[in-house]
Amino acid sequence: MPPGDDQEKTEEPTPKKIEDAREKGNVPKSMDTAGFVALLVGLVTLFFMLPYFGQKFIGIYQYVLALIGTELSVRTVANILGYIVFEMMLVVIPLAAIIMIAGVMGNVMQFGFLFTTEPLTPDISKIDPIKGMGRLFSLKKLVETIKIVLKVGAVFGVAFIFFLRFVVELPHTVFFTMFDQLLWLKEKIMILAAVMLFVFLIIAIIDLFITRYNYFNDLKMSKQEVKDEYKQMDGDPQVKGRIRQLQREAAKKRMMQNVPAADVIITNPTHYAVALRYDKEKEDAPVVLAKGIDFMALQIKKIGLENGVEIVENPPLARELYRLCDIDRQIPSELFKAVAEVLSFVYTANKQKFAKKLQQ
């Protein structure tokens, strides 16, 4: 294999590479998708808030109408402007706030919630005029420009086609009443809005797929980078410690799940607890299902009591079992006799529960 082949970006990005990019604010963000969500929510909000907007505009009109004949002064003009601005803010702010929230949600739906100040960190290389000119005339910028031209062309092209169809009908509206003309105009506006929304939806879907494809393609790694990353992760003490902690927690959870299947729990009585199971048909000797000291011992006993497992106090045997035995392993031969006596006592004391084992 040629030396340069190993450096080709042929491998899919690892979860760590994706997470590192995410921490730096590098995420697959489609502006068209976020824009479509904001536009859709904005139009729906506008539709439902039209009565509210109409009420506000009528209020402004009536206020101005009532001022006819009033002598104007600086104070009066200031009051009029203040009233109009305040009322317009009551119209604009709710709509703007909803559209802003929709824009944020459009981004969150793409890559989840993310807060990072990395993109705000000053980068001296970005103010280099030579590199800036290179970025300005790069292939990436050319592709972005072509995409914008195609999107604008598609939107205006579809809008123009429908507009021409409406223009053909326009002469017939001359014979309509004013009310019918308004209804005709409303119908055409709604048709045009629906068509435009559909076009924007198609563009947003295409842009979303292209954005995600380019994002993961840019994050691709060479074979050597993947090897180096795994070496780094394997040698990181924190990572190894975390892995060991997760393994211990998984083993502890599995061990506790096995306690209800035990035949007996031998205790110290409080500091040690060892759960044993013996299936003569499958095992040559009793098997340790769980063991623990102090708090863990109390937990084993608690689960055993909840599931009706017999608990026998035998401090010397409990300590020896804990010291010599491993989880999911058979007990050593030197403990056969002592454990056999305990199991015999348990089976005899609970004849109904262990009837099958007594028959064996």
Protein backbone atom coordinates (compact mmCIF):
# COMPACT_ATOMS: atom_id res chain seq x y z
CA MET A 1 0.00 0.00 0.00
CA PRO A 2 1.44 3.41 -0.90
CA PRO A 3 2.39 5.56 2.07
CA GLY A 4 -0.13 8.28 1.20
CA ASP A 5 -3.13 5.93 1.07
CA ASP A 6 -3.24 5.62 4.83
CA GLN A 7 -3.78 9.38 5.11
CA GLU A 8 -6.87 9.46 2.91
CA LYS A 9 -10.08 10.37 4.76
CA THR A 10 -11.86 7.09 4.15
CA GLU A 11 -13.13 6.22 7.65
CA GLU A 12 -16.43 7.36 9.14
CA PRO A 13 -15.98 9.79 12.06
CA THR A 14 -15.88 8.18 15.49
CA PRO A 15 -18.31 9.24 18.23
CA LYS A 16 -15.44 11.09 19.94
CA LYS A 17 -14.64 13.03 16.76
CA ILE A 18 -18.28 14.03 16.41
CA GLU A 19 -18.51 14.99 20.09
CA ASP A 20 -15.31 17.08 19.87
CA ALA A 21 -16.68 18.90 16.83
CA ARG A 22 -19.97 19.48 18.65
CA GLU A 23 -18.19 21.00 21.66
CA LYS A 24 -16.57 23.48 19.26
CA GLY A 25 -19.97 24.45 17.85
CA ASN A 26 -19.44 22.50 14.64
CA VAL A 27 -22.81 20.84 14.04
CA PRO A 28 -24.86 19.92 10.93
CA LYS A 29 -27.06 23.02 10.76
CA SER A 30 -29.33 23.60 7.77
CA MET A 31 -30.33 27.25 7.66
CA ASP A 32 -33.09 26.49 5.15
CA THR A 33 -34.67 23.97 7.51
CA ALA A 34 -34.60 26.39 10.44
CA GLY A 35 -35.93 29.12 8.16
CA PHE A 36 -38.79 26.92 6.96
CA VAL A 37 -39.83 26.10 10.53
CA ALA A 38 -39.75 29.81 11.46
CA LEU A 39 -41.72 30.73 8.32
CA LEU A 40 -44.34 28.04 8.88
CA VAL A 41 -44.84 28.96 12.54
CA GLY A 42 -44.87 32.66 11.65
CA LEU A 43 -47.59 32.22 9.01
CA VAL A 44 -49.73 30.04 11.30
CA THR A 45 -49.31 32.55 14.12
CA LEU A 46 -50.18 35.41 11.79
CA PHE A 47 -53.33 33.61 10.66
CA PHE A 48 -54.57 33.01 14.21
CA MET A 49 -53.60 36.50 15.40
CA LEU A 50 -55.24 38.39 12.53
CA PRO A 51 -58.27 39.37 14.66
CA TYR A 52 -55.90 40.71 17.33
CA PHE A 53 -53.88 42.63 14.75
CA GLY A 54 -57.06 44.01 13.18
CA GLN A 55 -58.28 45.17 16.58
CA LYS A 56 -55.00 47.00 17.21
CA PHE A 57 -54.99 48.71 13.81
CA ILE A 58 -58.63 49.75 14.21
CA GLY A 59 -57.75 51.16 17.62
CA ILE A 60 -54.89 53.18 16.13
CA TYR A 61 -57.17 54.43 13.33
CA GLN A 62 -59.90 55.48 15.77
CA TYR A 63 -57.34 57.20 18.00
CA VAL A 64 -55.95 59.25 15.10
CA LEU A 65 -59.46 59.94 13.80
CA ALA A 66 -60.48 61.34 17.18
CA LEU A 67 -57.60 63.84 17.00
CA ILE A 68 -58.97 65.59 13.90
CA GLY A 69 -59.36 69.26 14.71
CA THR A 70 -56.99 69.06 17.68
CA GLU A 71 -54.33 71.74 17.71
CA LEU A 72 -50.95 70.13 17.19
CA SER A 73 -48.03 70.90 19.44
CA VAL A 74 -44.74 69.24 20.15
CA ARG A 75 -46.24 67.55 23.19
CA THR A 76 -49.31 66.37 21.26
CA VAL A 77 -47.20 64.97 18.40
CA ALA A 78 -44.96 63.20 20.92
CA ASN A 79 -48.02 61.64 22.60
CA ILE A 80 -49.41 60.49 19.23
CA LEU A 81 -46.11 58.95 18.19
CA GLY A 82 -45.67 57.32 21.59
CA TYR A 83 -49.14 55.77 21.43
CA ILE A 84 -48.69 54.50 17.88
CA VAL A 85 -45.23 53.08 18.57
CA PHE A 86 -46.48 51.36 21.75
CA GLU A 87 -49.46 49.81 19.96
CA MET A 88 -47.28 48.68 17.05
CA MET A 89 -44.88 47.07 19.52
CA LEU A 90 -47.80 45.12 20.97
CA VAL A 91 -48.41 43.86 17.43
CA VAL A 92 -44.82 43.16 16.38
CA ILE A 93 -43.21 41.83 19.59
CA PRO A 94 -45.47 38.74 20.10
CA LEU A 95 -45.09 37.72 16.44
CA ALA A 96 -41.33 38.34 16.46
CA ALA A 97 -40.88 36.42 19.73
CA ILE A 98 -42.78 33.39 18.41
CA ILE A 99 -40.81 33.42 15.15
CA MET A 100 -37.53 33.69 17.11
CA ILE A 101 -38.48 30.74 19.33
CA ALA A 102 -39.48 28.76 16.22
CA GLY A 103 -36.09 29.51 14.63
CA VAL A 104 -34.31 28.25 17.74
CA MET A 105 -36.46 25.11 17.81
CA GLY A 106 -35.73 24.56 14.12
CA ASN A 107 -32.03 24.34 15.00
CA VAL A 108 -32.56 22.30 18.18
CA MET A 109 -34.56 19.71 16.21
CA GLN A 110 -31.56 19.20 13.93
CA PHE A 111 -28.74 18.69 16.43
CA GLY A 112 -30.20 18.97 19.95
CA PHE A 113 -29.62 21.64 22.55
CA LEU A 114 -26.09 23.01 22.46
CA PHE A 115 -24.48 25.88 24.36
CA THR A 116 -20.89 26.73 23.58
CA THR A 117 -18.84 29.93 23.43
CA GLU A 118 -16.23 28.41 21.10
CA PRO A 119 -17.53 30.16 17.93
CA LEU A 120 -17.29 33.51 19.77
CA THR A 121 -13.59 33.03 20.55
CA PRO A 122 -11.51 35.50 18.49
CA ASP A 123 -9.53 33.84 15.68
CA ILE A 124 -6.66 35.95 14.34
CA SER A 125 -6.45 33.86 11.17
CA LYS A 126 -9.93 35.00 10.16
CA ILE A 127 -8.78 38.61 9.73
CA ASP A 128 -5.91 37.63 7.44
CA PRO A 129 -6.80 39.37 4.14
CA ILE A 130 -5.00 36.78 1.99
CA LYS A 131 -6.82 33.85 3.62
CA GLY A 132 -10.02 35.89 3.53
CA MET A 133 -9.75 36.34 -0.24
CA GLY A 134 -9.02 32.62 -0.55
CA ARG A 135 -12.20 31.77 1.34
CA LEU A 136 -14.18 34.31 -0.68
CA PHE A 137 -13.25 32.72 -4.01
CA SER A 138 -13.09 29.13 -2.83
CA LEU A 139 -14.96 26.20 -4.38
CA LYS A 140 -17.16 26.01 -1.28
CA LYS A 141 -18.28 29.63 -1.73
CA LEU A 142 -18.96 28.98 -5.41
CA VAL A 143 -21.16 26.00 -4.54
CA GLU A 144 -22.99 28.06 -1.90
CA THR A 145 -23.60 30.83 -4.46
CA ILE A 146 -24.96 28.35 -7.00
CA LYS A 147 -27.24 26.86 -4.32
CA ILE A 148 -28.61 30.31 -3.46
CA VAL A 149 -29.22 31.14 -7.12
CA LEU A 150 -31.00 27.82 -7.69
CA LYS A 151 -33.16 28.24 -4.58
CA VAL A 152 -34.15 31.80 -5.42
CA GLY A 153 -34.77 30.80 -9.03
CA ALA A 154 -36.97 27.88 -7.98
CA VAL A 155 -39.02 29.99 -5.56
CA PHE A 156 -39.55 32.91 -7.92
CA GLY A 157 -40.08 30.60 -10.90
CA VAL A 158 -42.92 28.72 -9.21
CA ALA A 159 -44.38 31.97 -7.84
CA PHE A 160 -44.27 33.56 -11.30
CA ILE A 161 -46.04 30.60 -12.93
CA PHE A 162 -48.91 30.78 -10.44
CA PHE A 163 -48.96 34.58 -10.63
CA LEU A 164 -49.45 34.40 -14.43
CA ARG A 165 -52.39 32.05 -13.91
CA PHE A 166 -53.94 34.55 -11.51
CA VAL A 167 -53.36 37.42 -13.93
CA VAL A 168 -55.40 35.58 -16.58
CA GLU A 169 -58.35 35.54 -14.17
CA LEU A 170 -57.88 39.17 -13.16
CA PRO A 171 -60.04 40.78 -15.92
CA HIS A 172 -63.03 38.73 -14.82
CA THR A 173 -62.87 40.20 -11.32
CA VAL A 174 -63.89 43.61 -12.71
CA PHE A 175 -67.50 42.43 -12.73
CA PHE A 176 -67.27 41.18 -9.10
CA THR A 177 -68.57 43.10 -6.13
CA MET A 178 -65.99 44.55 -3.75
CA PHE A 179 -66.65 41.74 -1.27
CA ASP A 180 -66.23 39.05 -3.95
CA GLN A 181 -63.01 40.70 -5.15
CA LEU A 182 -61.61 40.54 -1.63
CA LEU A 183 -62.61 36.89 -1.36
CA TRP A 184 -60.92 36.16 -4.72
CA LEU A 185 -57.77 37.97 -3.57
CA LYS A 186 -57.77 36.10 -0.25
CA GLU A 187 -58.14 32.75 -2.03
CA LYS A 188 -55.25 33.47 -4.41
CA ILE A 189 -53.02 34.67 -1.60
CA MET A 190 -53.69 31.47 0.37
CA ILE A 191 -53.00 29.31 -2.70
CA LEU A 192 -49.77 31.19 -3.39
CA ALA A 193 -48.71 30.93 0.28
CA ALA A 194 -49.40 27.17 0.32
CA VAL A 195 -47.42 26.64 -2.90
CA MET A 196 -44.52 28.71 -1.62
CA LEU A 197 -44.51 26.78 1.66
CA PHE A 198 -44.39 23.51 -0.25
CA VAL A 199 -41.46 24.76 -2.35
CA PHE A 200 -39.63 25.92 0.78
CA LEU A 201 -40.30 22.51 2.38
CA ILE A 202 -38.73 20.66 -0.57
CA ILE A 203 -35.74 23.03 -0.50
CA ALA A 204 -35.38 22.58 3.28
CA ILE A 205 -35.43 18.76 3.03
CA ILE A 206 -32.85 18.75 0.22
CA ASP A 207 -30.65 21.23 2.08
CA LEU A 208 -30.91 19.18 5.29
CA PHE A 209 -29.67 16.03 3.55
CA ILE A 210 -26.89 17.92 1.74
CA THR A 211 -25.80 19.65 4.95
CA ARG A 212 -25.63 16.41 6.93
CA TYR A 213 -23.82 14.61 4.10
CA ASN A 214 -21.20 17.38 3.82
CA TYR A 215 -20.84 17.57 7.60
CA PHE A 216 -20.07 13.89 8.12
CA ASN A 217 -17.97 13.82 4.96
CA ASP A 218 -15.84 16.70 6.29
CA LEU A 219 -15.37 14.85 9.59
CA LYS A 220 -14.12 11.67 7.95
CA MET A 221 -10.84 10.38 9.33
CA SER A 222 -7.83 8.57 8.02
CA LYS A 223 -7.01 5.09 9.30
CA GLN A 224 -4.07 6.54 11.20
CA GLU A 225 -6.28 9.15 12.92
CA VAL A 226 -8.66 6.42 14.05
CA LYS A 227 -5.76 4.37 15.44
CA ASP A 228 -4.28 7.39 17.23
CA GLU A 229 -7.64 8.25 18.75
CA TYR A 230 -8.18 4.75 20.11
CA LYS A 231 -4.65 4.74 21.53
CA GLN A 232 -5.28 8.08 23.19
CA MET A 233 -8.58 6.94 24.67
CA ASP A 234 -7.12 3.64 25.85
CA GLY A 235 -4.23 5.42 27.55
CA ASP A 236 -6.32 8.10 29.21
CA PRO A 237 -6.48 7.29 32.95
CA GLN A 238 -9.83 9.05 33.28
CA VAL A 239 -11.32 7.05 30.43
CA LYS A 240 -9.95 3.78 31.79
CA GLY A 241 -11.18 4.65 35.26
CA ARG A 242 -14.61 5.46 33.93
CA ILE A 243 -14.70 2.18 31.99
CA ARG A 244 -13.75 0.22 35.11
CA GLN A 245 -16.41 2.06 37.10
CA LEU A 246 -19.06 1.22 34.51
CA GLN A 247 -17.93 -2.40 34.46
CA ARG A 248 -18.16 -2.60 38.25
CA GLU A 249 -21.62 -1.06 38.23
CA ALA A 250 -22.78 -3.47 35.52
CA ALA A 251 -21.36 -6.44 37.42
CA LYS A 252 -22.97 -5.25 40.65
CA LYS A 253 -26.34 -4.83 38.94
CA ARG A 254 -26.12 -8.29 37.36
CA MET A 255 -25.07 -9.79 40.68
CA MET A 256 -28.06 -8.26 42.48
CA GLN A 257 -30.41 -9.57 39.79
CA ASN A 258 -29.16 -13.11 40.51
CA VAL A 259 -29.87 -13.00 44.26
CA PRO A 260 -33.56 -14.07 43.97
CA ALA A 261 -32.39 -17.31 42.28
CA ALA A 262 -30.23 -18.30 45.29
CA ASP A 263 -31.04 -21.27 47.54
CA VAL A 264 -29.46 -19.72 50.61
CA ILE A 265 -27.67 -16.58 51.80
CA ILE A 266 -24.94 -17.20 54.38
CA THR A 267 -24.20 -14.17 56.57
CA ASN A 268 -21.81 -12.94 59.25
CA PRO A 269 -24.62 -11.76 60.22
CA THR A 270 -24.15 -8.07 59.26
CA HIS A 271 -20.71 -7.57 57.71
CA TYR A 272 -20.66 -10.43 55.18
CA ALA A 273 -23.26 -12.02 52.92
CA VAL A 274 -22.80 -14.72 50.26
CA ALA A 275 -25.66 -16.02 48.08
CA LEU A 276 -25.37 -19.65 46.88
CA ARG A 277 -27.26 -21.76 44.38
CA TYR A 278 -26.91 -25.49 43.80
CA ASP A 279 -28.41 -27.26 40.79
CA LYS A 280 -27.27 -30.89 40.88
CA GLU A 281 -28.31 -31.51 37.26
CA LYS A 282 -26.16 -28.68 35.87
CA GLU A 283 -23.40 -28.09 38.43
CA ASP A 284 -20.91 -30.26 40.29
CA ALA A 285 -20.82 -27.91 43.27
CA PRO A 286 -22.71 -24.89 44.65
CA VAL A 287 -22.16 -21.62 42.75
CA VAL A 288 -21.69 -18.16 44.27
CA LEU A 289 -24.32 -15.84 42.78
CA ALA A 290 -23.48 -12.75 44.86
CA LYS A 291 -21.25 -11.65 47.69
CA GLY A 292 -20.60 -8.45 49.56
CA ILE A 293 -19.57 -6.76 52.77
CA ASP A 294 -21.16 -4.03 54.89
CA PHE A 295 -23.66 -2.06 52.75
CA MET A 296 -23.53 -4.55 49.89
CA ALA A 297 -24.17 -7.38 52.34
CA LEU A 298 -27.23 -5.58 53.68
CA GLN A 299 -28.52 -5.12 50.14
CA ILE A 300 -28.08 -8.82 49.36
CA LYS A 301 -29.95 -9.74 52.52
CA LYS A 302 -32.71 -7.23 51.73
CA ILE A 303 -33.26 -8.64 48.24
CA GLY A 304 -33.15 -12.17 49.65
CA LEU A 305 -35.82 -11.37 52.25
CA GLU A 306 -38.02 -9.75 49.61
CA ASN A 307 -37.81 -12.87 47.45
CA GLY A 308 -38.13 -15.49 50.18
CA VAL A 309 -34.51 -16.72 50.09
CA GLU A 310 -33.45 -18.56 53.26
CA ILE A 311 -30.83 -16.63 55.29
CA VAL A 312 -28.47 -18.61 57.52
CA GLU A 313 -26.04 -17.03 59.97
CA ASN A 314 -22.64 -18.75 59.94
CA PRO A 315 -19.87 -16.14 60.48
CA PRO A 316 -16.80 -18.36 59.85
CA LEU A 317 -18.27 -19.90 56.69
CA ALA A 318 -19.48 -16.51 55.40
CA ARG A 319 -15.99 -15.00 55.79
CA GLU A 320 -14.31 -17.97 54.09
CA LEU A 321 -16.76 -17.98 51.20
CA TYR A 322 -16.23 -14.26 50.68
CA ARG A 323 -12.44 -14.62 50.82
CA LEU A 324 -12.03 -17.70 48.62
CA CYS A 325 -14.88 -17.53 46.11
CA ASP A 326 -15.56 -15.46 42.99
CA ILE A 327 -18.90 -14.47 41.52
CA ASP A 328 -20.43 -17.07 39.17
CA ARG A 329 -17.80 -19.62 40.24
CA GLN A 330 -18.18 -22.91 42.11
CA ILE A 331 -17.03 -23.04 45.71
CA PRO A 332 -13.64 -24.70 46.44
CA SER A 333 -13.54 -28.32 47.56
CA GLU A 334 -12.43 -27.47 51.13
CA LEU A 335 -15.80 -25.78 51.74
CA PHE A 336 -17.97 -28.59 50.31
CA LYS A 337 -18.75 -30.18 53.65
CA ALA A 338 -19.63 -26.98 55.50
CA VAL A 339 -21.83 -25.72 52.65
CA ALA A 340 -23.46 -29.14 52.23
CA GLU A 341 -24.53 -29.07 55.89
CA VAL A 342 -26.07 -25.63 55.43
CA LEU A 343 -27.91 -26.63 52.24
CA SER A 344 -29.15 -29.85 53.85
CA PHE A 345 -30.56 -27.84 56.74
CA VAL A 346 -32.22 -25.34 54.36
CA TYR A 347 -33.72 -28.06 52.15
CA THR A 348 -35.04 -29.98 55.14
CA ALA A 349 -36.50 -26.87 56.77
CA ASN A 350 -38.24 -25.92 53.55
CA LYS A 351 -39.37 -29.28 52.23
CA GLN A 352 -42.24 -27.90 50.15
CA LYS A 353 -40.08 -25.32 48.38
CA PHE A 354 -37.16 -27.68 47.74
CA ALA A 355 -39.10 -30.89 47.20
CA LYS A 356 -37.55 -31.45 43.80
CA LYS A 357 -34.00 -31.01 45.09
CA LEU A 358 -34.66 -33.37 48.01
CA GLN A 359 -35.75 -36.02 45.51
CA GLN A 360 -32.48 -35.58 43.64
